Amino acid sequence: MLAAYITHPDCARHEMGPGHPECPERLGAIADRLLARGLLDYMVPYDAPLATPEQLARAHSALHVQRMLDAAPAEGYRAIDPDTSMNPYTIPAALRAAGAAVQATDLVLAGEVGTAFCAVRPPGHHAEREEAMGFCFFNNVAVGIRHALDVHGLTRVALIDFDVHHGNGSEDIFAGDERVLMCGTYEIGLYPFNGDGRRTVADTPNMVNIGLPSRSGGAAFRSAVETHWIPALDAFRPQLIYVSAGFDAHREDDMGNLGFVDADYEWVTRQLVAVAARHSMGRIVSCLEGGYVLESLARSAAAHVRVLIGAD
């Protein structure tokens, strides 16, 4: 079965100023690499739709949704936090990014595709229920998950987050929700400073988030996955798996210091594909999060997608 490749030109129109690492060129680098490796031959392209306020409000408060819609500037930039700004095209991009997760959910659950990769921006996993932050405005994956739960009626959905930064927004939205198992890794001491004394990672049974020390490398990551994620996933038996796919833990990306390599992203994707084969009818929805050095981002995303879509 073919996979879905979901993106939209609007996602490249959002930008936050010269030199900002979360730049439009990220999507072009991924698309070029997928094309060069022949991976798009295995994928059906889709234009991401605009998420509706109703879809967004399943993961965010109606107040947050309206606040974001009202904050968009007519020209120039408007700061949301010291690292995050809007331009006049941010809201269409953010709506497309969240809409991609909804569309991917519909396609996978209808059996039209086996898996989906959402090449979208802005990213989403830092966006909390009531607050935008960390380059994120709406929590794309959370919007997709709530669509799967509340519209399609699923009762067990897993969220995997391997970005170098902890997915505090996803945790904020899903902590204590027994229908969702979140398994994540992140570098201790980085934004948003979870688990280092300033913010505390949620200690609820549905959260399996493992902080990794700086420079711990792929071996520590693989150990965390094998020791903590896989047993939890097998016990939970998810009906659908979502991935917050951040590639900024790569050793060439100076956003963090975990020191992953391309092969680590290939390896973890193989583990998730195996879990999905056991419990989820092979169904996986992956959404782009971080990754800011274009070359390593493109290579890592291609390694992830190649395994995800069964093209290797």
Protein backbone atom coordinates (compact mmCIF):
# COMPACT_ATOMS: atom_id res chain seq x y z
CA MET A 1 0.00 0.00 0.00
CA LEU A 2 1.24 3.49 -0.86
CA ALA A 3 1.87 6.14 1.77
CA ALA A 4 0.65 9.74 1.92
CA TYR A 5 2.96 12.74 1.54
CA ILE A 6 1.06 15.74 2.90
CA THR A 7 2.29 19.30 2.58
CA HIS A 8 1.21 22.68 1.21
CA PRO A 9 2.91 25.75 -0.32
CA ASP A 10 1.41 27.90 2.48
CA CYS A 11 3.74 26.17 4.93
CA ALA A 12 6.73 27.81 3.21
CA ARG A 13 5.28 31.34 3.43
CA HIS A 14 5.49 31.54 7.22
CA GLU A 15 8.87 32.85 8.37
CA MET A 16 10.16 34.57 11.48
CA GLY A 17 12.92 36.80 10.16
CA PRO A 18 16.37 36.52 8.59
CA GLY A 19 18.57 33.88 10.15
CA HIS A 20 15.82 32.17 12.12
CA PRO A 21 16.54 28.42 12.27
CA GLU A 22 12.91 27.41 11.70
CA CYS A 23 13.01 28.55 8.10
CA PRO A 24 10.99 27.77 4.95
CA GLU A 25 13.98 26.09 3.32
CA ARG A 26 13.55 23.13 5.68
CA LEU A 27 10.65 21.78 3.65
CA GLY A 28 12.45 22.23 0.34
CA ALA A 29 15.47 20.33 1.63
CA ILE A 30 13.30 17.38 2.67
CA ALA A 31 11.34 17.34 -0.58
CA ASP A 32 14.52 17.47 -2.67
CA ARG A 33 16.04 14.55 -0.77
CA LEU A 34 12.90 12.42 -1.00
CA LEU A 35 12.71 13.11 -4.72
CA ALA A 36 16.39 12.35 -5.29
CA ARG A 37 16.10 9.05 -3.42
CA GLY A 38 13.01 8.02 -5.37
CA LEU A 39 10.90 7.87 -2.22
CA LEU A 40 8.13 10.07 -3.57
CA ASP A 41 7.45 7.31 -6.11
CA TYR A 42 6.00 5.30 -3.22
CA MET A 43 3.86 8.17 -1.91
CA VAL A 44 0.61 9.83 -2.89
CA PRO A 45 0.84 13.64 -2.67
CA TYR A 46 -1.89 15.55 -0.87
CA ASP A 47 -2.41 19.25 -0.27
CA ALA A 48 -2.99 19.82 3.42
CA PRO A 49 -6.40 21.37 4.16
CA LEU A 50 -6.99 24.20 6.60
CA ALA A 51 -7.83 22.93 10.07
CA THR A 52 -11.16 24.23 11.30
CA PRO A 53 -11.66 26.03 14.63
CA GLU A 54 -13.68 23.00 15.79
CA GLN A 55 -10.77 20.65 15.03
CA LEU A 56 -8.28 22.93 16.78
CA ALA A 57 -10.53 23.30 19.83
CA ARG A 58 -10.34 19.58 20.52
CA ALA A 59 -6.69 20.06 21.54
CA HIS A 60 -6.70 23.75 22.52
CA SER A 61 -9.10 26.02 24.31
CA ALA A 62 -11.38 28.09 22.11
CA LEU A 63 -9.78 31.15 23.71
CA HIS A 64 -6.30 30.10 22.57
CA VAL A 65 -7.51 29.43 19.05
CA GLN A 66 -9.17 32.83 18.79
CA ARG A 67 -6.17 34.55 20.37
CA MET A 68 -3.89 33.09 17.71
CA LEU A 69 -6.25 34.01 14.88
CA ASP A 70 -6.49 37.57 16.18
CA ALA A 71 -2.72 37.95 16.68
CA ALA A 72 -1.75 37.69 13.01
CA PRO A 73 -0.18 40.95 11.78
CA ALA A 74 -1.24 42.60 8.54
CA GLU A 75 2.43 43.26 7.79
CA GLY A 76 5.82 42.71 9.41
CA TYR A 77 6.20 40.50 12.48
CA ARG A 78 4.47 40.07 15.80
CA ALA A 79 6.40 38.38 18.62
CA ILE A 80 4.71 35.59 20.57
CA ASP A 81 7.76 34.85 22.70
CA PRO A 82 11.47 35.76 22.35
CA ASP A 83 12.00 32.98 19.77
CA THR A 84 8.60 32.84 18.08
CA SER A 85 6.96 35.38 15.78
CA MET A 86 4.11 35.61 13.32
CA ASN A 87 4.17 37.14 9.87
CA PRO A 88 1.04 37.76 7.71
CA TYR A 89 1.21 34.16 6.42
CA THR A 90 1.68 32.36 9.73
CA ILE A 91 -1.95 31.53 10.41
CA PRO A 92 -2.61 29.88 7.01
CA ALA A 93 0.60 27.87 7.47
CA ALA A 94 -0.33 26.83 11.01
CA LEU A 95 -3.84 25.87 9.93
CA ARG A 96 -2.41 23.77 7.09
CA ALA A 97 0.06 22.08 9.45
CA ALA A 98 -2.70 21.07 11.86
CA GLY A 99 -5.03 20.22 8.98
CA ALA A 100 -2.40 17.84 7.59
CA ALA A 101 -2.55 15.77 10.78
CA VAL A 102 -6.34 15.59 10.53
CA GLN A 103 -6.19 14.62 6.85
CA ALA A 104 -3.52 11.98 7.54
CA THR A 105 -5.70 10.51 10.27
CA ASP A 106 -8.69 10.26 7.93
CA LEU A 107 -6.64 8.70 5.13
CA VAL A 108 -4.94 6.09 7.31
CA LEU A 109 -8.08 5.09 9.19
CA ALA A 110 -10.03 4.82 5.93
CA GLY A 111 -7.38 2.43 4.61
CA GLU A 112 -6.58 4.67 1.65
CA VAL A 113 -2.91 4.71 2.68
CA GLY A 114 -0.96 2.66 5.17
CA THR A 115 1.15 5.45 6.61
CA ALA A 116 1.50 9.21 6.21
CA PHE A 117 4.30 11.76 6.49
CA CYS A 118 3.26 15.37 7.04
CA ALA A 119 6.01 17.68 5.74
CA VAL A 120 4.62 20.80 7.36
CA ARG A 121 5.62 23.81 9.37
CA PRO A 122 5.34 25.54 11.77
CA PRO A 123 5.99 22.61 14.10
CA GLY A 124 3.62 21.90 16.96
CA HIS A 125 4.81 19.87 19.91
CA HIS A 126 5.63 22.84 22.18
CA ALA A 127 2.16 24.39 21.80
CA GLU A 128 0.25 23.79 25.01
CA ARG A 129 -3.51 23.83 25.40
CA GLU A 130 -3.49 27.52 26.32
CA GLU A 131 -0.16 28.82 25.03
CA ALA A 132 1.94 29.09 21.87
CA MET A 133 5.72 28.84 22.31
CA GLY A 134 8.94 27.41 20.94
CA PHE A 135 8.25 28.06 17.23
CA CYS A 136 4.80 26.40 17.66
CA PHE A 137 1.29 27.90 17.45
CA PHE A 138 -1.06 24.90 17.32
CA ASN A 139 -0.13 21.38 18.37
CA ASN A 140 -0.45 19.57 15.04
CA VAL A 141 -0.10 16.03 16.32
CA ALA A 142 -2.46 16.67 19.23
CA VAL A 143 -5.10 17.98 16.85
CA GLY A 144 -4.74 14.80 14.79
CA ILE A 145 -4.88 12.55 17.84
CA ARG A 146 -7.98 14.20 19.23
CA HIS A 147 -9.59 13.80 15.81
CA ALA A 148 -8.82 10.08 15.92
CA LEU A 149 -10.24 9.77 19.43
CA ASP A 150 -13.25 12.05 19.31
CA VAL A 151 -14.35 11.71 15.68
CA HIS A 152 -13.21 8.21 14.71
CA GLY A 153 -13.80 6.71 18.14
CA LEU A 154 -10.38 5.14 18.74
CA THR A 155 -9.65 4.32 22.37
CA ARG A 156 -5.86 3.72 22.37
CA VAL A 157 -3.48 6.00 20.48
CA ALA A 158 0.29 6.26 20.97
CA LEU A 159 2.39 9.39 20.48
CA ILE A 160 6.14 9.00 19.93
CA ASP A 161 8.32 12.11 20.23
CA PHE A 162 12.06 11.89 19.48
CA ASP A 163 12.83 15.59 19.09
CA VAL A 164 15.86 16.88 21.00
CA HIS A 165 13.47 19.13 22.93
CA HIS A 166 10.77 17.74 25.18
CA GLY A 167 7.24 17.91 23.75
CA ASN A 168 5.86 19.89 26.65
CA GLY A 169 2.80 20.95 24.70
CA SER A 170 1.79 17.39 23.90
CA GLU A 171 2.39 16.42 27.50
CA ASP A 172 0.27 19.35 28.71
CA ILE A 173 -2.62 18.30 26.48
CA PHE A 174 -2.50 14.55 27.13
CA ALA A 175 -1.12 14.00 30.66
CA GLY A 176 -3.61 11.83 32.51
CA ASP A 177 -5.60 10.91 29.38
CA GLU A 178 -5.77 7.12 29.53
CA ARG A 179 -6.57 6.92 25.80
CA VAL A 180 -3.12 8.28 24.87
CA LEU A 181 0.31 6.83 25.64
CA MET A 182 3.12 9.33 25.05
CA CYS A 183 6.66 7.98 24.74
CA GLY A 184 9.40 10.57 24.30
CA THR A 185 13.08 11.28 24.62
CA TYR A 186 14.72 14.66 24.95
CA GLU A 187 18.00 16.24 26.04
CA ILE A 188 18.08 17.26 29.68
CA GLY A 189 18.76 20.96 30.23
CA LEU A 190 17.42 22.24 26.92
CA TYR A 191 14.31 24.28 26.20
CA PRO A 192 11.66 24.03 27.59
CA PHE A 193 13.81 22.99 30.56
CA ASN A 194 11.71 20.03 31.65
CA GLY A 195 13.09 17.67 34.22
CA ASP A 196 15.96 19.87 35.37
CA GLY A 197 14.32 21.56 38.36
CA ARG A 198 12.61 24.43 36.55
CA ARG A 199 9.79 22.48 34.93
CA THR A 200 8.79 18.95 35.86
CA VAL A 201 7.97 16.23 33.38
CA ALA A 202 4.50 14.88 34.17
CA ASP A 203 4.51 11.79 36.36
CA THR A 204 1.37 10.09 35.11
CA PRO A 205 1.03 6.47 33.94
CA ASN A 206 0.45 7.50 30.31
CA MET A 207 3.69 9.51 30.06
CA VAL A 208 6.94 7.64 29.32
CA ASN A 209 9.27 10.56 28.67
CA ILE A 210 12.98 9.85 29.17
CA GLY A 211 15.50 12.65 29.59
CA LEU A 212 18.93 11.89 28.11
CA PRO A 213 22.18 13.55 29.23
CA SER A 214 24.06 15.77 26.82
CA ARG A 215 26.42 13.86 24.52
CA SER A 216 24.89 10.51 25.44
CA GLY A 217 24.58 9.53 21.78
CA GLY A 218 22.55 6.97 19.93
CA ALA A 219 23.35 4.12 22.30
CA ALA A 220 21.53 5.81 25.19
CA PHE A 221 18.61 6.62 22.90
CA ARG A 222 18.31 3.02 21.70
CA SER A 223 18.51 1.75 25.26
CA ALA A 224 15.70 4.08 26.34
CA VAL A 225 13.53 2.89 23.47
CA GLU A 226 14.16 -0.80 24.16
CA THR A 227 13.91 -0.51 27.95
CA HIS A 228 11.04 1.94 28.34
CA TRP A 229 9.12 2.60 25.12
CA ILE A 230 8.69 -0.86 23.63
CA PRO A 231 7.37 -2.60 26.77
CA ALA A 232 4.94 0.27 27.39
CA LEU A 233 3.75 0.23 23.77
CA ASP A 234 3.27 -3.52 23.73
CA ALA A 235 1.27 -3.37 26.97
CA PHE A 236 -0.85 -0.48 25.65
CA ARG A 237 -1.52 -2.05 22.22
CA PRO A 238 -2.15 1.20 20.31
CA GLN A 239 -4.69 1.22 17.49
CA LEU A 240 -2.77 4.02 15.75
CA ILE A 241 0.70 5.51 16.23
CA TYR A 242 1.61 9.16 15.76
CA VAL A 243 5.19 10.42 15.57
CA SER A 244 6.45 13.88 16.44
CA ALA A 245 9.48 13.53 14.19
CA GLY A 246 12.17 15.95 15.28
CA PHE A 247 15.62 15.53 13.74
CA ASP A 248 17.49 18.16 15.79
CA ALA A 249 19.20 15.60 18.04
CA HIS A 250 21.53 14.91 15.09
CA ARG A 251 25.22 15.46 15.80
CA GLU A 252 25.44 17.97 12.93
CA ASP A 253 22.61 20.10 14.37
CA ASP A 254 23.82 22.64 16.90
CA MET A 255 20.36 23.01 18.43
CA GLY A 256 21.30 20.21 20.83
CA ASN A 257 24.10 17.90 21.89
CA LEU A 258 22.74 14.36 21.94
CA GLY A 259 24.83 13.30 18.95
CA PHE A 260 22.45 11.10 16.99
CA VAL A 261 23.28 9.99 13.44
CA ASP A 262 21.10 9.14 10.44
CA ALA A 263 21.12 5.46 11.36
CA ASP A 264 19.51 6.19 14.74
CA TYR A 265 16.43 7.64 13.03
CA GLU A 266 16.30 4.67 10.69
CA TRP A 267 16.59 2.29 13.65
CA VAL A 268 13.86 3.89 15.78
CA THR A 269 11.51 3.98 12.82
CA ARG A 270 12.04 0.24 12.34
CA GLN A 271 11.06 -0.32 15.97
CA LEU A 272 7.89 1.73 15.53
CA VAL A 273 6.97 -0.02 12.29
CA ALA A 274 7.32 -3.34 14.10
CA VAL A 275 5.09 -2.16 16.95
CA ALA A 276 2.54 -0.90 14.43
CA ALA A 277 2.58 -4.27 12.66
CA ARG A 278 1.85 -6.04 15.96
CA HIS A 279 -0.90 -3.77 17.23
CA SER A 280 -1.97 -1.02 14.81
CA MET A 281 -2.48 -2.72 11.46
CA GLY A 282 0.72 -0.95 10.39
CA ARG A 283 -0.90 2.48 10.75
CA ILE A 284 1.46 5.38 11.50
CA VAL A 285 1.07 9.15 11.06
CA SER A 286 4.34 11.11 11.26
CA CYS A 287 4.53 14.90 11.50
CA LEU A 288 7.69 16.97 11.14
CA GLU A 289 8.87 18.82 14.24
CA GLY A 290 12.48 20.02 14.63
CA GLY A 291 15.67 19.74 12.60
CA TYR A 292 17.47 22.91 11.59
CA VAL A 293 20.65 22.05 9.67
CA LEU A 294 19.31 21.44 6.19
CA GLU A 295 21.68 18.67 5.12
CA SER A 296 21.31 16.51 8.24
CA LEU A 297 17.58 17.25 8.38
CA ALA A 298 17.08 16.06 4.80
CA ARG A 299 19.13 12.90 5.28
CA SER A 300 17.50 12.00 8.58
CA ALA A 301 13.99 12.66 7.34
CA ALA A 302 14.66 10.52 4.27
CA ALA A 303 15.96 7.68 6.47
CA HIS A 304 12.80 7.92 8.58
CA VAL A 305 10.46 8.07 5.59
CA ARG A 306 12.19 5.22 3.73
CA VAL A 307 11.46 2.81 6.59
CA LEU A 308 8.06 4.33 7.38
CA ILE A 309 6.73 3.69 3.88
CA GLY A 310 8.43 0.32 3.41
CA ALA A 311 10.61 1.46 0.53
CA ASP A 312 13.83 -0.16 1.73
